[in-house]
Amino acid sequence: MTSPCDNTQIKYIGDGTTTLFQIPFEYERQTDIFVALWDNDSLRYQPITDYQFENATTIRFDVAPPVNPDKADNILIARVTNIDEMLATFYPGSNIRAQDLNDDFEQLRMAIQEGRCGIEELYKYI
């Protein structure tokens, strides 16, 4: 059975040497990608900024994420779609292009997927 999170995030186990990690899901903008490492002290993923986009589907860490002795996921790459501003804005009397509507609905669809993933993660936590 697939998880709602399959479309919005992926987790990896660091081995101390690998620096390239794939992004297997769609996103609109690079700024919508969230990268974090597990922190055993706070028991949560902490965001990091020491990475670059190798290409549209790959993240390159500046320093390889550490080995996780527990063999549990300690790297999180997730999509957090910005919905503060819609991709297209419509004004009274202006033409409405199909592509603009599609872009806005795709932006909303991605945000809804992320919300469903958040609910699933909450249930796992509880």
C-alpha atoms as a PDB file:
ATOM      1  CA  MET A   1       0.000   0.000   0.000  1.00  0.00           C
ATOM      2  CA  THR A   2       1.343   3.431  -0.876  1.00  0.00           C
ATOM      3  CA  SER A   3       1.592   6.173   1.679  1.00  0.00           C
ATOM      4  CA  PRO A   4       0.404   9.770   1.178  1.00  0.00           C
ATOM      5  CA  CYS A   5       3.999  10.724   1.973  1.00  0.00           C
ATOM      6  CA  ASP A   6       5.368   8.888  -1.087  1.00  0.00           C
ATOM      7  CA  ASN A   7       4.467  11.930  -3.212  1.00  0.00           C
ATOM      8  CA  THR A   8       5.905  14.509  -0.840  1.00  0.00           C
ATOM      9  CA  GLN A   9       9.021  13.227   0.901  1.00  0.00           C
ATOM     10  CA  ILE A  10      11.738  10.626   1.058  1.00  0.00           C
ATOM     11  CA  LYS A  11      13.935   9.495   3.915  1.00  0.00           C
ATOM     12  CA  TYR A  12      17.414   8.027   3.687  1.00  0.00           C
ATOM     13  CA  ILE A  13      19.948   6.440   6.024  1.00  0.00           C
ATOM     14  CA  GLY A  14      23.277   8.261   6.040  1.00  0.00           C
ATOM     15  CA  ASP A  15      26.443   6.210   5.582  1.00  0.00           C
ATOM     16  CA  GLY A  16      29.018   8.943   6.204  1.00  0.00           C
ATOM     17  CA  THR A  17      30.263   8.957   2.585  1.00  0.00           C
ATOM     18  CA  THR A  18      27.297   9.405   0.234  1.00  0.00           C
ATOM     19  CA  THR A  19      26.593  13.034  -0.670  1.00  0.00           C
ATOM     20  CA  LEU A  20      24.093  12.650  -3.542  1.00  0.00           C
ATOM     21  CA  PHE A  21      20.441  11.904  -2.786  1.00  0.00           C
ATOM     22  CA  GLN A  22      17.556  11.660  -5.235  1.00  0.00           C
ATOM     23  CA  ILE A  23      14.326  13.670  -5.140  1.00  0.00           C
ATOM     24  CA  PRO A  24      11.746  11.218  -6.571  1.00  0.00           C
ATOM     25  CA  PHE A  25       8.717  13.514  -6.349  1.00  0.00           C
ATOM     26  CA  GLU A  26       7.548  16.586  -8.237  1.00  0.00           C
ATOM     27  CA  TYR A  27       7.946  20.146  -6.988  1.00  0.00           C
ATOM     28  CA  GLU A  28       7.351  23.608  -8.448  1.00  0.00           C
ATOM     29  CA  ARG A  29      10.338  25.596  -7.175  1.00  0.00           C
ATOM     30  CA  GLN A  30      13.659  24.712  -5.567  1.00  0.00           C
ATOM     31  CA  THR A  31      12.624  26.856  -2.611  1.00  0.00           C
ATOM     32  CA  ASP A  32       9.825  24.321  -1.966  1.00  0.00           C
ATOM     33  CA  ILE A  33      12.399  21.637  -1.064  1.00  0.00           C
ATOM     34  CA  PHE A  34      13.102  21.108   2.643  1.00  0.00           C
ATOM     35  CA  VAL A  35      16.221  19.185   3.700  1.00  0.00           C
ATOM     36  CA  ALA A  36      16.807  18.071   7.281  1.00  0.00           C
ATOM     37  CA  LEU A  37      18.856  15.706   9.415  1.00  0.00           C
ATOM     38  CA  TRP A  38      17.594  13.777  12.433  1.00  0.00           C
ATOM     39  CA  ASP A  39      18.731  15.192  15.770  1.00  0.00           C
ATOM     40  CA  ASN A  40      18.742  12.685  18.622  1.00  0.00           C
ATOM     41  CA  ASP A  41      18.775  15.438  21.262  1.00  0.00           C
ATOM     42  CA  SER A  42      15.565  17.137  20.104  1.00  0.00           C
ATOM     43  CA  LEU A  43      14.086  13.923  18.628  1.00  0.00           C
ATOM     44  CA  ARG A  44      13.115  15.712  15.427  1.00  0.00           C
ATOM     45  CA  TYR A  45      14.425  16.566  11.995  1.00  0.00           C
ATOM     46  CA  GLN A  46      16.405  19.807  12.033  1.00  0.00           C
ATOM     47  CA  PRO A  47      16.601  21.822   8.802  1.00  0.00           C
ATOM     48  CA  ILE A  48      20.000  22.287   7.196  1.00  0.00           C
ATOM     49  CA  THR A  49      21.297  24.570   4.464  1.00  0.00           C
ATOM     50  CA  ASP A  50      24.617  22.860   3.658  1.00  0.00           C
ATOM     51  CA  TYR A  51      23.475  21.388   0.363  1.00  0.00           C
ATOM     52  CA  GLN A  52      23.102  22.309  -3.313  1.00  0.00           C
ATOM     53  CA  PHE A  53      20.954  21.136  -6.176  1.00  0.00           C
ATOM     54  CA  GLU A  54      23.128  18.906  -8.333  1.00  0.00           C
ATOM     55  CA  ASN A  55      20.263  18.933 -10.849  1.00  0.00           C
ATOM     56  CA  ALA A  56      16.453  19.025 -10.709  1.00  0.00           C
ATOM     57  CA  THR A  57      16.220  15.552  -9.159  1.00  0.00           C
ATOM     58  CA  THR A  58      19.345  15.352  -6.973  1.00  0.00           C
ATOM     59  CA  ILE A  59      20.562  17.042  -3.797  1.00  0.00           C
ATOM     60  CA  ARG A  60      24.308  17.224  -3.095  1.00  0.00           C
ATOM     61  CA  PHE A  61      25.276  17.625   0.561  1.00  0.00           C
ATOM     62  CA  ASP A  62      28.366  19.759   1.185  1.00  0.00           C
ATOM     63  CA  VAL A  63      29.415  17.202   3.805  1.00  0.00           C
ATOM     64  CA  ALA A  64      28.171  13.622   3.768  1.00  0.00           C
ATOM     65  CA  PRO A  65      25.424  13.049   6.355  1.00  0.00           C
ATOM     66  CA  PRO A  66      26.677  11.017   9.295  1.00  0.00           C
ATOM     67  CA  VAL A  67      26.304   7.303   9.781  1.00  0.00           C
ATOM     68  CA  ASN A  68      23.234   6.439  11.787  1.00  0.00           C
ATOM     69  CA  PRO A  69      24.192   3.598  14.153  1.00  0.00           C
ATOM     70  CA  ASP A  70      20.503   2.776  14.674  1.00  0.00           C
ATOM     71  CA  LYS A  71      20.131   2.057  10.924  1.00  0.00           C
ATOM     72  CA  ALA A  72      17.087   4.323  10.960  1.00  0.00           C
ATOM     73  CA  ASP A  73      16.266   7.118   8.557  1.00  0.00           C
ATOM     74  CA  ASN A  74      18.256  10.195   9.492  1.00  0.00           C
ATOM     75  CA  ILE A  75      17.933  12.259   6.285  1.00  0.00           C
ATOM     76  CA  LEU A  76      14.674  13.873   5.190  1.00  0.00           C
ATOM     77  CA  ILE A  77      14.064  15.504   1.822  1.00  0.00           C
ATOM     78  CA  ALA A  78      10.538  16.866   1.594  1.00  0.00           C
ATOM     79  CA  ARG A  79       8.407  19.173  -0.471  1.00  0.00           C
ATOM     80  CA  VAL A  80       6.770  22.116   1.299  1.00  0.00           C
ATOM     81  CA  THR A  81       4.834  23.953  -1.391  1.00  0.00           C
ATOM     82  CA  ASN A  82       4.554  27.690  -0.902  1.00  0.00           C
ATOM     83  CA  ILE A  83       0.881  28.667  -1.090  1.00  0.00           C
ATOM     84  CA  ASP A  84       1.287  32.194   0.251  1.00  0.00           C
ATOM     85  CA  GLU A  85       1.212  33.349  -3.362  1.00  0.00           C
ATOM     86  CA  MET A  86      -0.550  31.536  -6.153  1.00  0.00           C
ATOM     87  CA  LEU A  87       1.432  30.972  -9.334  1.00  0.00           C
ATOM     88  CA  ALA A  88      -1.180  32.869 -11.351  1.00  0.00           C
ATOM     89  CA  THR A  89      -3.449  35.694 -10.199  1.00  0.00           C
ATOM     90  CA  PHE A  90      -6.703  36.515 -11.968  1.00  0.00           C
ATOM     91  CA  TYR A  91      -8.233  39.962 -12.206  1.00  0.00           C
ATOM     92  CA  PRO A  92     -11.778  40.985 -13.204  1.00  0.00           C
ATOM     93  CA  GLY A  93     -12.056  41.295 -16.964  1.00  0.00           C
ATOM     94  CA  SER A  94      -8.731  39.584 -17.688  1.00  0.00           C
ATOM     95  CA  ASN A  95      -8.350  36.496 -19.850  1.00  0.00           C
ATOM     96  CA  ILE A  96      -8.057  33.200 -18.037  1.00  0.00           C
ATOM     97  CA  ARG A  97      -5.572  30.839 -19.635  1.00  0.00           C
ATOM     98  CA  ALA A  98      -5.902  27.091 -19.172  1.00  0.00           C
ATOM     99  CA  GLN A  99      -2.207  26.826 -18.287  1.00  0.00           C
ATOM    100  CA  ASP A 100      -2.597  29.377 -15.485  1.00  0.00           C
ATOM    101  CA  LEU A 101      -5.546  27.449 -14.047  1.00  0.00           C
ATOM    102  CA  ASN A 102      -3.610  24.193 -14.310  1.00  0.00           C
ATOM    103  CA  ASP A 103      -0.599  25.730 -12.550  1.00  0.00           C
ATOM    104  CA  ASP A 104      -2.731  27.007  -9.666  1.00  0.00           C
ATOM    105  CA  PHE A 105      -4.578  23.710  -9.254  1.00  0.00           C
ATOM    106  CA  GLU A 106      -1.285  21.777  -9.375  1.00  0.00           C
ATOM    107  CA  GLN A 107       0.092  24.048  -6.645  1.00  0.00           C
ATOM    108  CA  LEU A 108      -2.977  23.360  -4.493  1.00  0.00           C
ATOM    109  CA  ARG A 109      -2.857  19.609  -5.217  1.00  0.00           C
ATOM    110  CA  MET A 110       0.741  19.458  -4.017  1.00  0.00           C
ATOM    111  CA  ALA A 111      -0.123  21.339  -0.819  1.00  0.00           C
ATOM    112  CA  ILE A 112      -3.038  18.977  -0.133  1.00  0.00           C
ATOM    113  CA  GLN A 113      -0.749  15.957  -0.595  1.00  0.00           C
ATOM    114  CA  GLU A 114       1.625  17.458   1.948  1.00  0.00           C
ATOM    115  CA  GLY A 115      -1.268  17.964   4.376  1.00  0.00           C
ATOM    116  CA  ARG A 116      -2.285  14.320   4.031  1.00  0.00           C
ATOM    117  CA  CYS A 117       1.289  13.267   4.706  1.00  0.00           C
ATOM    118  CA  GLY A 118       1.341  15.464   7.814  1.00  0.00           C
ATOM    119  CA  ILE A 119      -1.767  13.736   9.136  1.00  0.00           C
ATOM    120  CA  GLU A 120      -0.214  10.312   8.540  1.00  0.00           C
ATOM    121  CA  GLU A 121       2.983  11.365  10.324  1.00  0.00           C
ATOM    122  CA  LEU A 122       0.930  12.679  13.251  1.00  0.00           C
ATOM    123  CA  TYR A 123      -0.902   9.347  13.581  1.00  0.00           C
ATOM    124  CA  LYS A 124       2.426   7.496  13.596  1.00  0.00           C
ATOM    125  CA  TYR A 125       3.686   9.829  16.305  1.00  0.00           C
ATOM    126  CA  ILE A 126       0.597   9.338  18.466  1.00  0.00           C
END
